[in-house]
Amino acid sequence: MKEKIRKFVEETLRRNNITTEICDDDSLILSNIFDSLDVVDLQLYIEGIYGIPPAALADDLSRIDTINKIVNYISENVKHYTQ
């Protein structure tokens, strides 16, 4: 799962011409590396691959602010939304 998320993040950075190397605990959203459209793309990616709707994140985007947090968020919620 982490490799899929890392690949998505790297593709998003490349699309935005960002050459910064990102570690698994580096902030994506709160640091403004991801803009609002990137966040929407990430939410839709999570929904498309793992079935977790974007509305589940509406209150607290910090839960998906790093690659590790995204993986943890998906792991904690995927069973709830796929049953």
PDB file of N, CA and C in Angstrom:
ATOM      1  N   MET A   1       0.827  -1.193   0.000  1.00  0.00           N
ATOM      2  CA  MET A   1       0.000   0.000   0.000  1.00  0.00           C
ATOM      3  C   MET A   1       0.870   1.257   0.000  1.00  0.00           C
ATOM      4  N   LYS A   2       1.928   1.250   0.804  1.00  0.00           N
ATOM      5  CA  LYS A   2       2.769   2.441   0.901  1.00  0.00           C
ATOM      6  C   LYS A   2       3.391   2.787  -0.455  1.00  0.00           C
ATOM      7  N   GLU A   3       3.770   1.773  -1.210  1.00  0.00           N
ATOM      8  CA  GLU A   3       4.379   2.033  -2.522  1.00  0.00           C
ATOM      9  C   GLU A   3       3.393   2.699  -3.474  1.00  0.00           C
ATOM     10  N   LYS A   4       2.131   2.290  -3.432  1.00  0.00           N
ATOM     11  CA  LYS A   4       1.105   2.927  -4.270  1.00  0.00           C
ATOM     12  C   LYS A   4       0.943   4.398  -3.899  1.00  0.00           C
ATOM     13  N   ILE A   5       0.900   4.659  -2.600  1.00  0.00           N
ATOM     14  CA  ILE A   5       0.739   6.041  -2.126  1.00  0.00           C
ATOM     15  C   ILE A   5       1.965   6.863  -2.499  1.00  0.00           C
ATOM     16  N   ARG A   6       3.148   6.298  -2.277  1.00  0.00           N
ATOM     17  CA  ARG A   6       4.387   7.009  -2.627  1.00  0.00           C
ATOM     18  C   ARG A   6       4.397   7.329  -4.122  1.00  0.00           C
ATOM     19  N   LYS A   7       4.008   6.386  -4.952  1.00  0.00           N
ATOM     20  CA  LYS A   7       3.979   6.610  -6.400  1.00  0.00           C
ATOM     21  C   LYS A   7       3.003   7.736  -6.749  1.00  0.00           C
ATOM     22  N   PHE A   8       1.821   7.736  -6.126  1.00  0.00           N
ATOM     23  CA  PHE A   8       0.847   8.808  -6.363  1.00  0.00           C
ATOM     24  C   PHE A   8       1.445  10.159  -5.981  1.00  0.00           C
ATOM     25  N   VAL A   9       2.074  10.235  -4.813  1.00  0.00           N
ATOM     26  CA  VAL A   9       2.680  11.488  -4.344  1.00  0.00           C
ATOM     27  C   VAL A   9       3.773  11.944  -5.306  1.00  0.00           C
ATOM     28  N   GLU A  10       4.646  11.034  -5.700  1.00  0.00           N
ATOM     29  CA  GLU A  10       5.734  11.393  -6.613  1.00  0.00           C
ATOM     30  C   GLU A  10       5.203  11.865  -7.969  1.00  0.00           C
ATOM     31  N   GLU A  11       4.170  11.214  -8.478  1.00  0.00           N
ATOM     32  CA  GLU A  11       3.570  11.642  -9.752  1.00  0.00           C
ATOM     33  C   GLU A  11       2.944  13.029  -9.621  1.00  0.00           C
ATOM     34  N   THR A  12       2.312  13.283  -8.489  1.00  0.00           N
ATOM     35  CA  THR A  12       1.710  14.605  -8.257  1.00  0.00           C
ATOM     36  C   THR A  12       2.796  15.674  -8.194  1.00  0.00           C
ATOM     37  N   LEU A  13       3.872  15.397  -7.490  1.00  0.00           N
ATOM     38  CA  LEU A  13       4.973  16.358  -7.405  1.00  0.00           C
ATOM     39  C   LEU A  13       5.578  16.612  -8.783  1.00  0.00           C
ATOM     40  N   ARG A  14       5.789  15.562  -9.539  1.00  0.00           N
ATOM     41  CA  ARG A  14       6.354  15.694 -10.886  1.00  0.00           C
ATOM     42  C   ARG A  14       5.429  16.537 -11.781  1.00  0.00           C
ATOM     43  N   ARG A  15       4.124  16.275 -11.691  1.00  0.00           N
ATOM     44  CA  ARG A  15       3.143  17.029 -12.478  1.00  0.00           C
ATOM     45  C   ARG A  15       3.194  18.520 -12.140  1.00  0.00           C
ATOM     46  N   ASN A  16       3.533  18.829 -10.886  1.00  0.00           N
ATOM     47  CA  ASN A  16       3.600  20.220 -10.429  1.00  0.00           C
ATOM     48  C   ASN A  16       5.008  20.804 -10.537  1.00  0.00           C
ATOM     49  N   ASN A  17       5.908  20.071 -11.193  1.00  0.00           N
ATOM     50  CA  ASN A  17       7.302  20.509 -11.360  1.00  0.00           C
ATOM     51  C   ASN A  17       8.004  20.764 -10.032  1.00  0.00           C
ATOM     52  N   ILE A  18       7.687  19.947  -9.037  1.00  0.00           N
ATOM     53  CA  ILE A  18       8.343  20.038  -7.736  1.00  0.00           C
ATOM     54  C   ILE A  18       9.391  18.942  -7.683  1.00  0.00           C
ATOM     55  N   THR A  19      10.636  19.332  -7.458  1.00  0.00           N
ATOM     56  CA  THR A  19      11.736  18.368  -7.469  1.00  0.00           C
ATOM     57  C   THR A  19      12.213  18.000  -6.070  1.00  0.00           C
ATOM     58  N   THR A  20      11.544  18.506  -5.061  1.00  0.00           N
ATOM     59  CA  THR A  20      11.903  18.214  -3.681  1.00  0.00           C
ATOM     60  C   THR A  20      11.728  16.730  -3.394  1.00  0.00           C
ATOM     61  N   GLU A  21      12.711  16.145  -2.742  1.00  0.00           N
ATOM     62  CA  GLU A  21      12.617  14.744  -2.310  1.00  0.00           C
ATOM     63  C   GLU A  21      11.725  14.686  -1.069  1.00  0.00           C
ATOM     64  N   ILE A  22      10.750  13.801  -1.075  1.00  0.00           N
ATOM     65  CA  ILE A  22       9.804  13.691   0.027  1.00  0.00           C
ATOM     66  C   ILE A  22      10.060  12.398   0.801  1.00  0.00           C
ATOM     67  N   CYS A  23      10.175  12.530   2.113  1.00  0.00           N
ATOM     68  CA  CYS A  23      10.283  11.364   2.994  1.00  0.00           C
ATOM     69  C   CYS A  23       8.881  11.002   3.487  1.00  0.00           C
ATOM     70  N   ASP A  24       8.753   9.832   4.048  1.00  0.00           N
ATOM     71  CA  ASP A  24       7.440   9.332   4.449  1.00  0.00           C
ATOM     72  C   ASP A  24       6.765  10.152   5.543  1.00  0.00           C
ATOM     73  N   ASP A  25       7.525  10.940   6.292  1.00  0.00           N
ATOM     74  CA  ASP A  25       6.941  11.763   7.353  1.00  0.00           C
ATOM     75  C   ASP A  25       6.957  13.260   7.037  1.00  0.00           C
ATOM     76  N   ASP A  26       7.266  13.614   5.804  1.00  0.00           N
ATOM     77  CA  ASP A  26       7.246  15.023   5.406  1.00  0.00           C
ATOM     78  C   ASP A  26       5.812  15.483   5.136  1.00  0.00           C
ATOM     79  N   SER A  27       5.499  16.676   5.602  1.00  0.00           N
ATOM     80  CA  SER A  27       4.173  17.250   5.404  1.00  0.00           C
ATOM     81  C   SER A  27       3.929  17.550   3.931  1.00  0.00           C
ATOM     82  N   LEU A  28       2.750  17.193   3.467  1.00  0.00           N
ATOM     83  CA  LEU A  28       2.344  17.487   2.094  1.00  0.00           C
ATOM     84  C   LEU A  28       1.323  18.623   2.044  1.00  0.00           C
ATOM     85  N   ILE A  29       0.382  18.595   2.954  1.00  0.00           N
ATOM     86  CA  ILE A  29      -0.741  19.541   2.920  1.00  0.00           C
ATOM     87  C   ILE A  29      -0.450  20.786   3.758  1.00  0.00           C
ATOM     88  N   LEU A  30      -0.101  20.580   5.015  1.00  0.00           N
ATOM     89  CA  LEU A  30       0.129  21.724   5.903  1.00  0.00           C
ATOM     90  C   LEU A  30       1.327  22.553   5.470  1.00  0.00           C
ATOM     91  N   SER A  31       2.265  21.949   4.746  1.00  0.00           N
ATOM     92  CA  SER A  31       3.435  22.673   4.240  1.00  0.00           C
ATOM     93  C   SER A  31       3.164  23.323   2.883  1.00  0.00           C
ATOM     94  N   ASN A  32       1.970  23.100   2.348  1.00  0.00           N
ATOM     95  CA  ASN A  32       1.550  23.634   1.045  1.00  0.00           C
ATOM     96  C   ASN A  32       2.310  23.036  -0.143  1.00  0.00           C
ATOM     97  N   ILE A  33       2.919  21.877   0.033  1.00  0.00           N
ATOM     98  CA  ILE A  33       3.499  21.183  -1.122  1.00  0.00           C
ATOM     99  C   ILE A  33       2.372  20.719  -2.030  1.00  0.00           C
ATOM    100  N   PHE A  34       1.286  20.213  -1.428  1.00  0.00           N
ATOM    101  CA  PHE A  34       0.069  19.890  -2.174  1.00  0.00           C
ATOM    102  C   PHE A  34      -0.861  21.097  -2.093  1.00  0.00           C
ATOM    103  N   ASP A  35      -1.362  21.538  -3.243  1.00  0.00           N
ATOM    104  CA  ASP A  35      -2.363  22.598  -3.231  1.00  0.00           C
ATOM    105  C   ASP A  35      -3.755  21.963  -3.104  1.00  0.00           C
ATOM    106  N   SER A  36      -4.779  22.781  -3.114  1.00  0.00           N
ATOM    107  CA  SER A  36      -6.135  22.263  -2.881  1.00  0.00           C
ATOM    108  C   SER A  36      -6.567  21.249  -3.946  1.00  0.00           C
ATOM    109  N   LEU A  37      -6.162  21.443  -5.186  1.00  0.00           N
ATOM    110  CA  LEU A  37      -6.511  20.479  -6.232  1.00  0.00           C
ATOM    111  C   LEU A  37      -5.785  19.153  -6.032  1.00  0.00           C
ATOM    112  N   ASP A  38      -4.550  19.214  -5.568  1.00  0.00           N
ATOM    113  CA  ASP A  38      -3.808  17.988  -5.265  1.00  0.00           C
ATOM    114  C   ASP A  38      -4.477  17.218  -4.133  1.00  0.00           C
ATOM    115  N   VAL A  39      -4.982  17.939  -3.148  1.00  0.00           N
ATOM    116  CA  VAL A  39      -5.667  17.296  -2.025  1.00  0.00           C
ATOM    117  C   VAL A  39      -6.931  16.601  -2.521  1.00  0.00           C
ATOM    118  N   VAL A  40      -7.684  17.262  -3.389  1.00  0.00           N
ATOM    119  CA  VAL A  40      -8.884  16.646  -3.958  1.00  0.00           C
ATOM    120  C   VAL A  40      -8.497  15.407  -4.762  1.00  0.00           C
ATOM    121  N   ASP A  41      -7.455  15.506  -5.568  1.00  0.00           N
ATOM    122  CA  ASP A  41      -6.986  14.343  -6.331  1.00  0.00           C
ATOM    123  C   ASP A  41      -6.614  13.197  -5.399  1.00  0.00           C
ATOM    124  N   LEU A  42      -5.939  13.506  -4.299  1.00  0.00           N
ATOM    125  CA  LEU A  42      -5.561  12.484  -3.333  1.00  0.00           C
ATOM    126  C   LEU A  42      -6.799  11.835  -2.723  1.00  0.00           C
ATOM    127  N   GLN A  43      -7.768  12.647  -2.339  1.00  0.00           N
ATOM    128  CA  GLN A  43      -8.999  12.110  -1.760  1.00  0.00           C
ATOM    129  C   GLN A  43      -9.730  11.209  -2.753  1.00  0.00           C
ATOM    130  N   LEU A  44      -9.794  11.627  -4.002  1.00  0.00           N
ATOM    131  CA  LEU A  44     -10.454  10.816  -5.025  1.00  0.00           C
ATOM    132  C   LEU A  44      -9.676   9.537  -5.313  1.00  0.00           C
ATOM    133  N   TYR A  45      -8.359   9.613  -5.251  1.00  0.00           N
ATOM    134  CA  TYR A  45      -7.519   8.429  -5.413  1.00  0.00           C
ATOM    135  C   TYR A  45      -7.803   7.433  -4.285  1.00  0.00           C
ATOM    136  N   ILE A  46      -7.844   7.920  -3.053  1.00  0.00           N
ATOM    137  CA  ILE A  46      -8.140   7.060  -1.906  1.00  0.00           C
ATOM    138  C   ILE A  46      -9.520   6.420  -2.064  1.00  0.00           C
ATOM    139  N   GLU A  47     -10.482   7.204  -2.509  1.00  0.00           N
ATOM    140  CA  GLU A  47     -11.821   6.652  -2.708  1.00  0.00           C
ATOM    141  C   GLU A  47     -11.822   5.605  -3.819  1.00  0.00           C
ATOM    142  N   GLY A  48     -11.165   5.911  -4.933  1.00  0.00           N
ATOM    143  CA  GLY A  48     -11.168   5.001  -6.069  1.00  0.00           C
ATOM    144  C   GLY A  48     -10.470   3.685  -5.789  1.00  0.00           C
ATOM    145  N   ILE A  49      -9.380   3.721  -5.068  1.00  0.00           N
ATOM    146  CA  ILE A  49      -8.604   2.511  -4.805  1.00  0.00           C
ATOM    147  C   ILE A  49      -9.097   1.778  -3.557  1.00  0.00           C
ATOM    148  N   TYR A  50      -9.447   2.514  -2.514  1.00  0.00           N
ATOM    149  CA  TYR A  50      -9.738   1.901  -1.216  1.00  0.00           C
ATOM    150  C   TYR A  50     -11.189   2.060  -0.760  1.00  0.00           C
ATOM    151  N   GLY A  51     -12.003   2.796  -1.516  1.00  0.00           N
ATOM    152  CA  GLY A  51     -13.419   2.916  -1.198  1.00  0.00           C
ATOM    153  C   GLY A  51     -13.762   3.843  -0.043  1.00  0.00           C
ATOM    154  N   ILE A  52     -12.816   4.666   0.378  1.00  0.00           N
ATOM    155  CA  ILE A  52     -13.062   5.596   1.487  1.00  0.00           C
ATOM    156  C   ILE A  52     -13.472   6.941   0.904  1.00  0.00           C
ATOM    157  N   PRO A  53     -14.701   7.403   1.156  1.00  0.00           N
ATOM    158  CA  PRO A  53     -15.184   8.639   0.532  1.00  0.00           C
ATOM    159  C   PRO A  53     -14.476   9.891   1.054  1.00  0.00           C
ATOM    160  N   PRO A  54     -14.348  10.905   0.197  1.00  0.00           N
ATOM    161  CA  PRO A  54     -13.700  12.162   0.613  1.00  0.00           C
ATOM    162  C   PRO A  54     -14.353  12.812   1.817  1.00  0.00           C
ATOM    163  N   ALA A  55     -15.653  12.670   1.965  1.00  0.00           N
ATOM    164  CA  ALA A  55     -16.352  13.296   3.091  1.00  0.00           C
ATOM    165  C   ALA A  55     -15.814  12.808   4.437  1.00  0.00           C
ATOM    166  N   ALA A  56     -15.250  11.610   4.470  1.00  0.00           N
ATOM    167  CA  ALA A  56     -14.701  11.072   5.717  1.00  0.00           C
ATOM    168  C   ALA A  56     -13.522  11.895   6.216  1.00  0.00           C
ATOM    169  N   LEU A  57     -12.914  12.687   5.333  1.00  0.00           N
ATOM    170  CA  LEU A  57     -11.752  13.502   5.696  1.00  0.00           C
ATOM    171  C   LEU A  57     -12.062  14.988   5.816  1.00  0.00           C
ATOM    172  N   ALA A  58     -13.277  15.365   5.611  1.00  0.00           N
ATOM    173  CA  ALA A  58     -13.628  16.782   5.538  1.00  0.00           C
ATOM    174  C   ALA A  58     -13.205  17.579   6.764  1.00  0.00           C
ATOM    175  N   ASP A  59     -13.259  16.978   7.928  1.00  0.00           N
ATOM    176  CA  ASP A  59     -12.977  17.703   9.168  1.00  0.00           C
ATOM    177  C   ASP A  59     -11.503  17.896   9.466  1.00  0.00           C
ATOM    178  N   ASP A  60     -10.664  16.957   9.009  1.00  0.00           N
ATOM    179  CA  ASP A  60      -9.282  16.969   9.482  1.00  0.00           C
ATOM    180  C   ASP A  60      -8.317  16.422   8.431  1.00  0.00           C
ATOM    181  N   LEU A  61      -7.849  17.284   7.554  1.00  0.00           N
ATOM    182  CA  LEU A  61      -6.911  16.869   6.510  1.00  0.00           C
ATOM    183  C   LEU A  61      -5.535  16.525   7.067  1.00  0.00           C
ATOM    184  N   SER A  62      -5.259  16.908   8.306  1.00  0.00           N
ATOM    185  CA  SER A  62      -3.964  16.556   8.892  1.00  0.00           C
ATOM    186  C   SER A  62      -3.807  15.043   9.010  1.00  0.00           C
ATOM    187  N   ARG A  63      -4.928  14.311   8.959  1.00  0.00           N
ATOM    188  CA  ARG A  63      -4.859  12.844   9.045  1.00  0.00           C
ATOM    189  C   ARG A  63      -4.243  12.229   7.787  1.00  0.00           C
ATOM    190  N   ILE A  64      -4.131  13.019   6.708  1.00  0.00           N
ATOM    191  CA  ILE A  64      -3.505  12.519   5.475  1.00  0.00           C
ATOM    192  C   ILE A  64      -2.385  13.453   5.026  1.00  0.00           C
ATOM    193  N   ASP A  65      -1.704  14.054   5.970  1.00  0.00           N
ATOM    194  CA  ASP A  65      -0.694  15.062   5.658  1.00  0.00           C
ATOM    195  C   ASP A  65       0.659  14.491   5.242  1.00  0.00           C
ATOM    196  N   THR A  66       0.940  13.243   5.561  1.00  0.00           N
ATOM    197  CA  THR A  66       2.207  12.621   5.179  1.00  0.00           C
ATOM    198  C   THR A  66       1.913  11.256   4.546  1.00  0.00           C
ATOM    199  N   ILE A  67       2.889  10.694   3.899  1.00  0.00           N
ATOM    200  CA  ILE A  67       2.704   9.364   3.323  1.00  0.00           C
ATOM    201  C   ILE A  67       2.363   8.364   4.426  1.00  0.00           C
ATOM    202  N   ASN A  68       3.077   8.410   5.538  1.00  0.00           N
ATOM    203  CA  ASN A  68       2.784   7.482   6.636  1.00  0.00           C
ATOM    204  C   ASN A  68       1.386   7.686   7.204  1.00  0.00           C
ATOM    205  N   LYS A  69       0.959   8.929   7.333  1.00  0.00           N
ATOM    206  CA  LYS A  69      -0.391   9.193   7.841  1.00  0.00           C
ATOM    207  C   LYS A  69      -1.456   8.716   6.857  1.00  0.00           C
ATOM    208  N   ILE A  70      -1.207   8.854   5.568  1.00  0.00           N
ATOM    209  CA  ILE A  70      -2.153   8.367   4.567  1.00  0.00           C
ATOM    210  C   ILE A  70      -2.304   6.855   4.696  1.00  0.00           C
ATOM    211  N   VAL A  71      -1.184   6.160   4.791  1.00  0.00           N
ATOM    212  CA  VAL A  71      -1.208   4.698   4.924  1.00  0.00           C
ATOM    213  C   VAL A  71      -1.944   4.297   6.201  1.00  0.00           C
ATOM    214  N   ASN A  72      -1.651   4.958   7.311  1.00  0.00           N
ATOM    215  CA  ASN A  72      -2.342   4.654   8.575  1.00  0.00           C
ATOM    216  C   ASN A  72      -3.834   4.922   8.466  1.00  0.00           C
ATOM    217  N   TYR A  73      -4.205   6.047   7.874  1.00  0.00           N
ATOM    218  CA  TYR A  73      -5.608   6.401   7.715  1.00  0.00           C
ATOM    219  C   TYR A  73      -6.344   5.337   6.898  1.00  0.00           C
ATOM    220  N   ILE A  74      -5.751   4.927   5.799  1.00  0.00           N
ATOM    221  CA  ILE A  74      -6.377   3.905   4.961  1.00  0.00           C
ATOM    222  C   ILE A  74      -6.498   2.596   5.731  1.00  0.00           C
ATOM    223  N   SER A  75      -5.433   2.185   6.393  1.00  0.00           N
ATOM    224  CA  SER A  75      -5.451   0.931   7.157  1.00  0.00           C
ATOM    225  C   SER A  75      -6.544   0.928   8.222  1.00  0.00           C
ATOM    226  N   GLU A  76      -6.738   2.066   8.866  1.00  0.00           N
ATOM    227  CA  GLU A  76      -7.735   2.168   9.933  1.00  0.00           C
ATOM    228  C   GLU A  76      -9.165   2.220   9.397  1.00  0.00           C
ATOM    229  N   ASN A  77      -9.354   2.674   8.162  1.00  0.00           N
ATOM    230  CA  ASN A  77     -10.706   2.920   7.665  1.00  0.00           C
ATOM    231  C   ASN A  77     -11.169   2.015   6.535  1.00  0.00           C
ATOM    232  N   VAL A  78     -10.282   1.320   5.882  1.00  0.00           N
ATOM    233  CA  VAL A  78     -10.658   0.570   4.695  1.00  0.00           C
ATOM    234  C   VAL A  78     -11.706  -0.508   4.995  1.00  0.00           C
ATOM    235  N   LYS A  79     -11.589  -1.180   6.104  1.00  0.00           N
ATOM    236  CA  LYS A  79     -12.553  -2.233   6.435  1.00  0.00           C
ATOM    237  C   LYS A  79     -13.949  -1.656   6.671  1.00  0.00           C
ATOM    238  N   HIS A  80     -14.009  -0.496   7.278  1.00  0.00           N
ATOM    239  CA  HIS A  80     -15.295   0.145   7.549  1.00  0.00           C
ATOM    240  C   HIS A  80     -16.061   0.460   6.267  1.00  0.00           C
ATOM    241  N   TYR A  81     -15.342   0.907   5.235  1.00  0.00           N
ATOM    242  CA  TYR A  81     -15.985   1.348   4.011  1.00  0.00           C
ATOM    243  C   TYR A  81     -16.101   0.274   2.945  1.00  0.00           C
ATOM    244  N   THR A  82     -15.450  -0.865   3.118  1.00  0.00           N
ATOM    245  CA  THR A  82     -15.523  -1.912   2.097  1.00  0.00           C
ATOM    246  C   THR A  82     -16.460  -3.046   2.498  1.00  0.00           C
ATOM    247  N   GLN A  83     -17.088  -2.940   3.633  1.00  0.00           N
ATOM    248  CA  GLN A  83     -18.006  -4.002   4.065  1.00  0.00           C
ATOM    249  C   GLN A  83     -19.425  -3.685   3.693  1.00  0.00           C
TER     250      GLN A  83
END
